[in-house]
Protein backbone atom coordinates (compact mmCIF):
# COMPACT_ATOMS: atom_id res chain seq x y z
CA UNK A 1 173.54 30.65 194.32
CA UNK A 2 175.01 31.10 197.65
CA UNK A 3 175.50 27.75 199.22
CA UNK A 4 176.25 26.81 203.08
CA UNK A 5 178.60 23.68 202.64
CA UNK A 6 179.12 21.38 205.40
CA UNK A 7 182.56 19.48 204.93
CA UNK A 8 184.46 21.86 202.80
CA UNK A 9 187.73 20.75 205.07
CA UNK A 10 187.01 16.98 204.80
CA UNK A 11 189.07 14.53 202.68
CA UNK A 12 186.14 13.42 200.82
CA UNK A 13 183.24 15.94 201.26
CA UNK A 14 186.17 18.35 200.51
CA UNK A 15 185.80 17.47 196.99
CA UNK A 16 182.64 18.76 196.54
CA UNK A 17 184.07 22.28 196.91
CA UNK A 18 185.77 22.86 193.57
CA UNK A 19 182.95 21.29 191.67
CA UNK A 20 180.56 24.17 193.29
CA UNK A 21 182.81 26.64 192.18
CA UNK A 22 182.91 25.15 188.93
CA UNK A 23 179.46 25.89 188.57
CA UNK A 24 179.36 29.47 189.32
CA UNK A 25 178.22 29.20 192.99
CA UNK A 26 179.29 31.38 196.19
CA UNK A 27 180.18 28.96 199.09
CA UNK A 28 180.22 29.71 202.89
CA UNK A 29 181.63 27.12 204.69
CA UNK A 30 180.61 25.61 208.00
CA UNK A 31 183.26 25.14 210.29
CA UNK A 32 183.96 24.64 214.16
CA UNK A 33 186.93 27.27 214.54
CA UNK A 34 188.73 29.96 212.72
CA UNK A 35 191.44 27.59 211.65
CA UNK A 36 189.16 25.40 210.00
CA UNK A 37 187.92 28.58 208.38
CA UNK A 38 191.37 29.54 207.00
CA UNK A 39 191.73 26.08 205.50
CA UNK A 40 188.57 25.99 204.04
CA UNK A 41 189.34 29.80 202.37
CA UNK A 42 192.55 27.97 200.94
CA UNK A 43 190.42 25.54 199.54
CA UNK A 44 188.30 27.55 197.68
CA UNK A 45 185.41 28.74 199.57
CA UNK A 46 184.52 32.09 199.36
CA UNK A 47 183.91 32.69 203.14
CA UNK A 48 183.34 30.90 206.53
CA UNK A 49 180.90 30.71 209.55
CA UNK A 50 181.52 28.95 212.89
CA UNK A 51 178.84 26.69 213.76
CA UNK A 52 178.11 22.92 215.19
CA UNK A 53 175.97 20.62 213.86
CA UNK A 54 174.46 19.73 217.32
CA UNK A 55 173.74 23.69 218.21
CA UNK A 56 170.53 24.44 216.28
CA UNK A 57 171.15 28.19 216.89
CA UNK A 58 174.16 28.54 215.33
CA UNK A 59 172.86 26.72 212.15
CA UNK A 60 170.08 29.06 212.34
CA UNK A 61 172.74 31.79 212.01
CA UNK A 62 175.13 30.24 209.54
CA UNK A 63 172.30 29.27 207.05
CA UNK A 64 170.43 32.94 207.09
CA UNK A 65 170.79 34.73 203.72
CA UNK A 66 171.70 31.98 201.55
CA UNK A 67 169.81 29.87 198.88
CA UNK A 68 171.31 26.33 199.07
CA UNK A 69 172.80 24.07 201.24
CA UNK A 70 175.12 20.74 200.72
CA UNK A 71 174.96 18.30 203.82
CA UNK A 72 177.36 15.47 204.78
CA UNK A 73 176.86 14.01 208.49
CA UNK A 74 180.28 12.53 210.31
CA UNK A 75 179.41 8.71 210.61
CA UNK A 76 178.68 7.26 214.06
CA UNK A 77 178.13 10.66 215.75
CA UNK A 78 174.70 11.86 216.48
CA UNK A 79 173.66 11.29 212.97
CA UNK A 80 170.21 11.85 213.29
CA UNK A 81 170.76 14.79 215.31
CA UNK A 82 173.24 16.32 212.97
CA UNK A 83 171.08 15.38 210.29
CA UNK A 84 167.65 16.94 211.40
CA UNK A 85 169.14 20.15 212.99
CA UNK A 86 170.37 21.29 209.42
CA UNK A 87 167.21 20.24 207.76
CA UNK A 88 165.19 22.29 210.36
CA UNK A 89 167.62 25.38 210.19
CA UNK A 90 167.46 25.13 206.50
CA UNK A 91 163.60 24.86 206.00
CA UNK A 92 163.09 27.59 208.72
CA UNK A 93 165.39 29.90 206.79
CA UNK A 94 163.56 29.37 203.31
CA UNK A 95 166.53 27.63 201.70
CA UNK A 96 165.33 26.72 197.99
CA UNK A 97 168.10 24.02 197.36
CA UNK A 98 169.24 21.19 200.07
CA UNK A 99 171.90 18.26 198.70
CA UNK A 100 172.41 15.67 200.85
CA UNK A 101 175.38 13.24 200.52
CA UNK A 102 173.78 10.11 202.42
CA UNK A 103 175.08 6.71 202.39
CA UNK A 104 174.30 3.69 199.98
CA UNK A 105 171.47 1.18 200.65
CA UNK A 106 169.86 3.40 203.94
CA UNK A 107 167.56 0.25 204.22
CA UNK A 108 170.48 -1.66 205.84
CA UNK A 109 170.23 -2.00 209.62
CA UNK A 110 173.93 -0.99 210.19
CA UNK A 111 173.71 2.50 212.26
CA UNK A 112 175.70 4.39 209.95
CA UNK A 113 173.07 3.65 207.11
CA UNK A 114 169.72 3.33 209.07
CA UNK A 115 170.49 6.86 210.95
CA UNK A 116 170.36 8.77 207.93
CA UNK A 117 166.82 7.56 207.14
CA UNK A 118 165.46 10.20 209.64
CA UNK A 119 167.12 13.01 207.66
CA UNK A 120 166.11 11.69 204.39
CA UNK A 121 162.60 11.72 205.56
CA UNK A 122 162.53 15.22 206.93
CA UNK A 123 163.70 16.24 203.54
CA UNK A 124 160.75 14.18 201.85
CA UNK A 125 158.33 16.08 204.09
CA UNK A 126 160.23 19.51 204.11
CA UNK A 127 158.83 21.15 201.32
CA UNK A 128 162.45 22.17 200.21
CA UNK A 129 163.78 21.23 196.62
CA UNK A 130 166.21 18.14 197.89
CA UNK A 131 168.31 15.94 196.10
CA UNK A 132 169.71 12.95 198.03
CA UNK A 133 172.84 10.88 197.06
CA UNK A 134 173.61 7.82 198.52
CA UNK A 135 177.01 6.85 197.23
CA UNK A 136 178.82 3.34 197.71
CA UNK A 137 182.24 3.01 199.50
CA UNK A 138 184.46 6.06 198.70
CA UNK A 139 187.12 4.50 196.51
CA UNK A 140 189.43 7.54 198.33
CA UNK A 141 189.58 5.02 201.34
CA UNK A 142 191.68 2.73 199.18
CA UNK A 143 194.70 5.12 199.15
CA UNK A 144 195.57 4.25 202.82
CA UNK A 145 195.23 0.18 201.66
CA UNK A 146 197.44 1.20 198.83
CA UNK A 147 200.16 2.60 201.12
CA UNK A 148 199.99 -0.45 203.02
CA UNK A 149 200.77 -2.79 199.84
CA UNK A 150 203.67 -0.95 199.01
CA UNK A 151 205.19 -0.70 202.48
CA UNK A 152 204.33 -4.43 203.58
CA UNK A 153 203.22 -6.20 200.55
CA UNK A 154 200.12 -7.12 202.23
CA UNK A 155 196.40 -5.58 202.29
CA UNK A 156 194.52 -6.45 205.51
CA UNK A 157 191.16 -5.71 206.64
CA UNK A 158 189.24 -6.64 209.41
CA UNK A 159 186.50 -8.64 207.50
CA UNK A 160 186.60 -11.61 204.73
CA UNK A 161 189.22 -10.97 201.96
CA UNK A 162 186.51 -12.53 199.79
CA UNK A 163 183.74 -10.16 200.43
CA UNK A 164 182.64 -8.38 197.25
CA UNK A 165 182.22 -4.40 197.63
CA UNK A 166 180.42 -1.72 195.65
CA UNK A 167 182.67 1.51 195.37
CA UNK A 168 182.34 4.71 194.03
CA UNK A 169 184.63 7.43 193.39
CA UNK A 170 183.72 10.26 195.62
CA UNK A 171 185.15 12.83 192.64
CA UNK A 172 182.08 11.68 190.60
CA UNK A 173 179.91 12.08 193.58
CA UNK A 174 181.13 15.55 193.88
CA UNK A 175 180.41 16.35 190.10
CA UNK A 176 176.98 15.01 190.71
CA UNK A 177 176.34 17.13 194.05
CA UNK A 178 177.30 20.18 192.13
CA UNK A 179 174.73 19.34 189.18
CA UNK A 180 172.03 18.79 191.70
CA UNK A 181 172.81 22.33 192.72
CA UNK A 182 172.37 23.69 189.14
CA UNK A 183 170.48 21.13 187.31
CA UNK A 184 166.82 20.67 187.94
CA UNK A 185 166.99 17.36 186.62
CA UNK A 186 167.73 16.18 189.75
CA UNK A 187 165.24 17.79 191.79
CA UNK A 188 163.04 15.48 194.34
CA UNK A 189 165.50 13.08 193.51
CA UNK A 190 167.49 9.94 195.56
CA UNK A 191 170.25 8.45 193.78
CA UNK A 192 172.02 5.31 194.59
CA UNK A 193 175.87 6.26 193.13
CA UNK A 194 178.27 3.31 192.27
CA UNK A 195 180.67 2.61 190.10
CA UNK A 196 180.68 -0.93 188.05
CA UNK A 197 181.12 -4.02 189.48
CA UNK A 198 181.93 -5.44 192.93
CA UNK A 199 185.69 -6.01 194.34
CA UNK A 200 187.02 -8.37 196.89
CA UNK A 201 190.43 -7.79 198.56
CA UNK A 202 191.69 -10.43 196.59
CA UNK A 203 190.42 -8.41 193.55
CA UNK A 204 192.27 -5.37 194.80
CA UNK A 205 195.43 -7.35 195.72
CA UNK A 206 195.46 -8.78 192.11
CA UNK A 207 195.06 -4.98 190.44
CA UNK A 208 197.71 -3.73 192.80
CA UNK A 209 200.15 -6.43 191.82
CA UNK A 210 199.70 -5.52 188.35
CA UNK A 211 200.42 -1.85 189.03
CA UNK A 212 203.54 -2.14 191.49
CA UNK A 213 204.97 -5.26 189.56
CA UNK A 214 205.03 -7.16 192.56
CA UNK A 215 202.90 -9.38 194.24
CA UNK A 216 200.32 -8.21 196.89
CA UNK A 217 198.67 -10.61 199.34
CA UNK A 218 195.38 -10.29 200.25
CA UNK A 219 194.94 -11.17 204.36
CA UNK A 220 192.17 -11.43 206.84
CA UNK A 221 192.30 -9.96 210.27
CA UNK A 222 189.74 -11.22 212.70
CA UNK A 223 187.25 -8.15 213.48
CA UNK A 224 187.74 -9.09 217.51
CA UNK A 225 191.46 -9.13 217.18
CA UNK A 226 191.18 -5.66 215.51
CA UNK A 227 189.07 -4.37 218.10
CA UNK A 228 191.77 -5.07 220.43
CA UNK A 229 194.25 -3.19 218.37
CA UNK A 230 192.68 0.02 217.22
CA UNK A 231 192.72 2.99 219.87
CA UNK A 232 189.69 3.62 219.31
CA UNK A 233 187.65 4.48 222.84
CA UNK A 234 184.36 2.84 223.91
CA UNK A 235 181.13 4.15 222.54
CA UNK A 236 179.16 4.76 219.28
CA UNK A 237 182.19 5.17 216.71
CA UNK A 238 183.96 2.11 217.99
CA UNK A 239 180.56 -0.03 218.58
CA UNK A 240 179.40 0.97 215.10
CA UNK A 241 182.90 0.18 213.39
CA UNK A 242 182.86 -3.36 214.90
CA UNK A 243 178.96 -3.83 213.67
CA UNK A 244 180.02 -2.52 210.72
CA UNK A 245 182.93 -4.98 209.97
CA UNK A 246 180.92 -8.00 210.92
CA UNK A 247 178.45 -7.32 208.15
CA UNK A 248 181.14 -6.99 205.61
CA UNK A 249 182.43 -10.32 206.57
CA UNK A 250 179.49 -12.25 206.39
CA UNK A 251 177.70 -10.19 203.40
CA UNK A 252 180.06 -7.94 201.74
CA UNK A 253 178.56 -4.70 200.52
CA UNK A 254 176.41 -5.51 197.53
CA UNK A 255 175.48 -3.27 194.67
CA UNK A 256 177.79 -2.02 191.87
CA UNK A 257 175.43 -1.07 189.31
CA UNK A 258 176.26 2.50 187.66
CA UNK A 259 173.45 3.24 185.71
CA UNK A 260 172.06 6.10 187.82
CA UNK A 261 175.67 7.50 188.23
CA UNK A 262 176.34 7.35 184.43
CA UNK A 263 172.93 8.76 183.46
CA UNK A 264 173.78 11.88 185.89
CA UNK A 265 177.29 12.13 184.52
CA UNK A 266 176.59 11.99 180.85
CA UNK A 267 179.71 9.67 180.69
CA UNK A 268 180.69 6.24 182.31
CA UNK A 269 181.52 6.59 186.03
CA UNK A 270 184.99 5.97 187.16
CA UNK A 271 186.06 2.45 187.82
CA UNK A 272 188.08 0.27 190.50
CA UNK A 273 190.97 -0.29 188.07
CA UNK A 274 191.41 3.03 186.94
CA UNK A 275 191.14 4.66 190.67
CA UNK A 276 194.29 1.91 191.35
CA UNK A 277 196.07 2.91 187.91
CA UNK A 278 196.09 6.19 188.87
CA UNK A 279 197.72 5.82 192.43
CA UNK A 280 201.14 6.67 193.09
């Protein structure tokens, strides 16, 4: 299948590209400029096309002559617009398969969750064969935490160290995305994807302590103090992150049921302890 891929040069979505190639798909990467296009080719894309999620005309050109779309939306950045523009372009071009990497628990009121609901609804109404993947917090985000633990002996985040969080290895999500492009079992399905269990920062500190052979301490930073320190300008991203961290501080990120992901993969999902044990 000839697929338009959003996120081919991304830290997380980029993990989908080798999986699509593994299944024999031809991938056209949507990029904003030629430099990103060169990077996409180096990452394994067959070709690239320059376009913008906020420019419907460019998306119409990008998707012409293709059969599939893999879509992921940048968080806290006009998400509804970026989602609906891509769905509309795909539908009008006669795309036969649309895989959307959404987010865990879109029923939450958090902006980066709630704003994906309109894209999901548009897919339900589109007439296209769709698969919606709803991944929990990416384990790959723990790589930065790991580096901090090695350097300072502490892991600090702007929410309670006792808040329990649901995670998923985005490599498993990437496998599911590639399967969705290939396997009709996943057609017209919406799937929450998580690894087993929930982990607090205290839990993570214990796992990292064991791996490093030294004590790692979990600490809190009040979100208001964090907001003063981070160099993020006022706007949708900054306000969204503040609200999200306040939610995590109070409620954590509930979930951690791996049944769906393991059924899709046909094997156990990668776990948080396994992920941390692989870190270097």
